[in-house]
C-alpha atoms as a PDB file:
ATOM      1  CA  MET A   1      91.193 -62.288 -17.325  1.00  0.00           C
ATOM      2  CA  ARG A   2      90.115 -63.620 -13.935  1.00  0.00           C
ATOM      3  CA  ARG A   3      93.693 -62.715 -13.273  1.00  0.00           C
ATOM      4  CA  THR A   4      92.620 -59.063 -14.415  1.00  0.00           C
ATOM      5  CA  LEU A   5      88.981 -59.102 -12.647  1.00  0.00           C
ATOM      6  CA  LEU A   6      90.805 -60.369  -9.347  1.00  0.00           C
ATOM      7  CA  SER A   7      92.903 -57.149  -9.525  1.00  0.00           C
ATOM      8  CA  VAL A   8      91.015 -54.315  -9.885  1.00  0.00           C
ATOM      9  CA  PHE A   9      88.149 -56.030  -7.556  1.00  0.00           C
ATOM     10  CA  VAL A  10      90.553 -55.804  -4.468  1.00  0.00           C
ATOM     11  CA  VAL A  11      91.844 -52.488  -6.056  1.00  0.00           C
ATOM     12  CA  LEU A  12      88.756 -51.092  -5.874  1.00  0.00           C
ATOM     13  CA  ILE A  13      88.178 -52.581  -2.869  1.00  0.00           C
ATOM     14  CA  SER A  14      91.224 -51.498  -1.717  1.00  0.00           C
ATOM     15  CA  ILE A  15      89.438 -47.427  -2.465  1.00  0.00           C
ATOM     16  CA  ALA A  16      86.434 -48.410  -0.818  1.00  0.00           C
ATOM     17  CA  THR A  17      88.476 -49.344   2.291  1.00  0.00           C
ATOM     18  CA  PHE A  18      90.944 -46.440   2.711  1.00  0.00           C
ATOM     19  CA  ALA A  19      87.664 -43.945   1.999  1.00  0.00           C
ATOM     20  CA  GLN A  20      86.401 -45.169   5.159  1.00  0.00           C
ATOM     21  CA  SER A  21      88.409 -45.727   7.534  1.00  0.00           C
ATOM     22  CA  THR A  22      88.989 -43.781  10.868  1.00  0.00           C
ATOM     23  CA  SER A  23      92.585 -43.164  10.971  1.00  0.00           C
ATOM     24  CA  PRO A  24      93.203 -38.749  11.846  1.00  0.00           C
ATOM     25  CA  GLU A  25      94.990 -38.811   8.917  1.00  0.00           C
ATOM     26  CA  GLY A  26      91.209 -40.544   6.644  1.00  0.00           C
ATOM     27  CA  LEU A  27      88.795 -38.327   8.235  1.00  0.00           C
ATOM     28  CA  TYR A  28      91.568 -35.125   7.434  1.00  0.00           C
ATOM     29  CA  GLU A  29      91.552 -36.229   3.957  1.00  0.00           C
ATOM     30  CA  ARG A  30      87.664 -36.906   4.274  1.00  0.00           C
ATOM     31  CA  GLY A  31      86.891 -33.325   5.487  1.00  0.00           C
ATOM     32  CA  MET A  32      89.064 -32.032   2.812  1.00  0.00           C
ATOM     33  CA  ASP A  33      87.483 -33.705   0.357  1.00  0.00           C
ATOM     34  CA  ALA A  34      83.381 -32.631   1.937  1.00  0.00           C
ATOM     35  CA  ILE A  35      85.538 -28.555   2.228  1.00  0.00           C
ATOM     36  CA  SER A  36      85.927 -28.641  -1.172  1.00  0.00           C
ATOM     37  CA  GLY A  37      83.194 -30.956  -2.934  1.00  0.00           C
ATOM     38  CA  ALA A  38      85.312 -34.129  -4.396  1.00  0.00           C
ATOM     39  CA  GLY A  39      83.715 -36.534  -3.580  1.00  0.00           C
ATOM     40  CA  PRO A  40      79.301 -36.664  -3.028  1.00  0.00           C
ATOM     41  CA  SER A  41      78.890 -33.675  -2.140  1.00  0.00           C
ATOM     42  CA  ARG A  42      80.531 -30.243  -0.819  1.00  0.00           C
ATOM     43  CA  ASN A  43      79.052 -29.907   3.121  1.00  0.00           C
ATOM     44  CA  ASP A  44      80.459 -27.419   5.736  1.00  0.00           C
ATOM     45  CA  ARG A  45      79.066 -29.289   8.531  1.00  0.00           C
ATOM     46  CA  ASP A  46      80.864 -32.657   7.707  1.00  0.00           C
ATOM     47  CA  ALA A  47      83.862 -31.612   7.533  1.00  0.00           C
ATOM     48  CA  LEU A  48      84.561 -29.088  10.599  1.00  0.00           C
ATOM     49  CA  GLU A  49      83.066 -33.217  12.263  1.00  0.00           C
ATOM     50  CA  TYR A  50      85.603 -34.686  10.461  1.00  0.00           C
ATOM     51  CA  PHE A  51      88.556 -31.832  11.218  1.00  0.00           C
ATOM     52  CA  ARG A  52      87.257 -32.536  15.124  1.00  0.00           C
ATOM     53  CA  ARG A  53      87.431 -35.137  15.032  1.00  0.00           C
ATOM     54  CA  SER A  54      90.822 -36.177  13.468  1.00  0.00           C
ATOM     55  CA  ALA A  55      92.307 -32.838  15.590  1.00  0.00           C
ATOM     56  CA  GLU A  56      91.721 -35.237  19.583  1.00  0.00           C
ATOM     57  CA  LEU A  57      93.002 -37.940  17.626  1.00  0.00           C
ATOM     58  CA  GLY A  58      96.364 -35.520  17.902  1.00  0.00           C
ATOM     59  CA  PHE A  59      96.757 -34.390  13.968  1.00  0.00           C
ATOM     60  CA  GLY A  60      98.516 -31.756  14.221  1.00  0.00           C
ATOM     61  CA  PRO A  61      97.166 -30.509  10.022  1.00  0.00           C
ATOM     62  CA  SER A  62      92.613 -30.864  11.581  1.00  0.00           C
ATOM     63  CA  GLN A  63      94.222 -28.558  14.547  1.00  0.00           C
ATOM     64  CA  VAL A  64      95.197 -25.468  12.908  1.00  0.00           C
ATOM     65  CA  ALA A  65      92.366 -26.356  10.141  1.00  0.00           C
ATOM     66  CA  LEU A  66      89.252 -25.795  13.159  1.00  0.00           C
ATOM     67  CA  GLY A  67      91.890 -22.893  14.055  1.00  0.00           C
ATOM     68  CA  TYR A  68      91.427 -21.560  10.584  1.00  0.00           C
ATOM     69  CA  PHE A  69      87.554 -21.842  10.426  1.00  0.00           C
ATOM     70  CA  SER A  70      87.160 -20.146  13.899  1.00  0.00           C
ATOM     71  CA  LYS A  71      87.687 -16.527  11.609  1.00  0.00           C
ATOM     72  CA  PRO A  72      84.297 -14.543  12.878  1.00  0.00           C
ATOM     73  CA  ALA A  73      83.332 -14.838   8.347  1.00  0.00           C
ATOM     74  CA  SER A  74      83.974 -19.225   9.408  1.00  0.00           C
ATOM     75  CA  SER A  75      80.809 -21.288  10.361  1.00  0.00           C
ATOM     76  CA  LEU A  76      82.784 -22.931  13.182  1.00  0.00           C
ATOM     77  CA  PRO A  77      81.635 -21.271  16.351  1.00  0.00           C
ATOM     78  CA  ALA A  78      84.414 -18.963  17.711  1.00  0.00           C
ATOM     79  CA  ALA A  79      84.028 -21.544  21.224  1.00  0.00           C
ATOM     80  CA  ARG A  80      84.300 -24.309  19.249  1.00  0.00           C
ATOM     81  CA  ALA A  81      87.324 -23.727  18.051  1.00  0.00           C
ATOM     82  CA  ARG A  82      88.631 -22.065  20.769  1.00  0.00           C
ATOM     83  CA  PRO A  83      90.593 -24.965  22.188  1.00  0.00           C
ATOM     84  CA  TRP A  84      92.966 -25.526  19.109  1.00  0.00           C
ATOM     85  CA  ILE A  85      93.963 -21.584  19.468  1.00  0.00           C
ATOM     86  CA  GLY A  86      96.008 -20.162  21.281  1.00  0.00           C
ATOM     87  CA  THR A  87      96.630 -23.780  22.411  1.00  0.00           C
ATOM     88  CA  GLU A  88     100.538 -25.438  21.582  1.00  0.00           C
ATOM     89  CA  LYS A  89      98.927 -28.762  20.608  1.00  0.00           C
ATOM     90  CA  ALA A  90      99.392 -28.638  17.024  1.00  0.00           C
ATOM     91  CA  ALA A  91     103.178 -26.384  18.069  1.00  0.00           C
ATOM     92  CA  ASN A  92     104.805 -29.530  20.637  1.00  0.00           C
ATOM     93  CA  GLN A  93     103.347 -32.061  17.787  1.00  0.00           C
ATOM     94  CA  GLY A  94     105.316 -30.495  15.019  1.00  0.00           C
END
């Protein structure tokens, strides 16, 4: 019984640690959770911040996401998204 409880505790701690990750991939996942409403709540502003931080660390999918949100109907001002559009950053990284 103790072994099972310890195992469950370790798994929960691991999940919590991953959720707080500041790696580019972790930030991107947190952005996707925020934009889709998974987790605590949907928050576009937080999602864009996670994508921006991840993109600045060189994560290609985040750079693409920021480019996507630069469309006229999106909530990201074009001036903030412009560095991620029309550049070769994401393309050079695959």
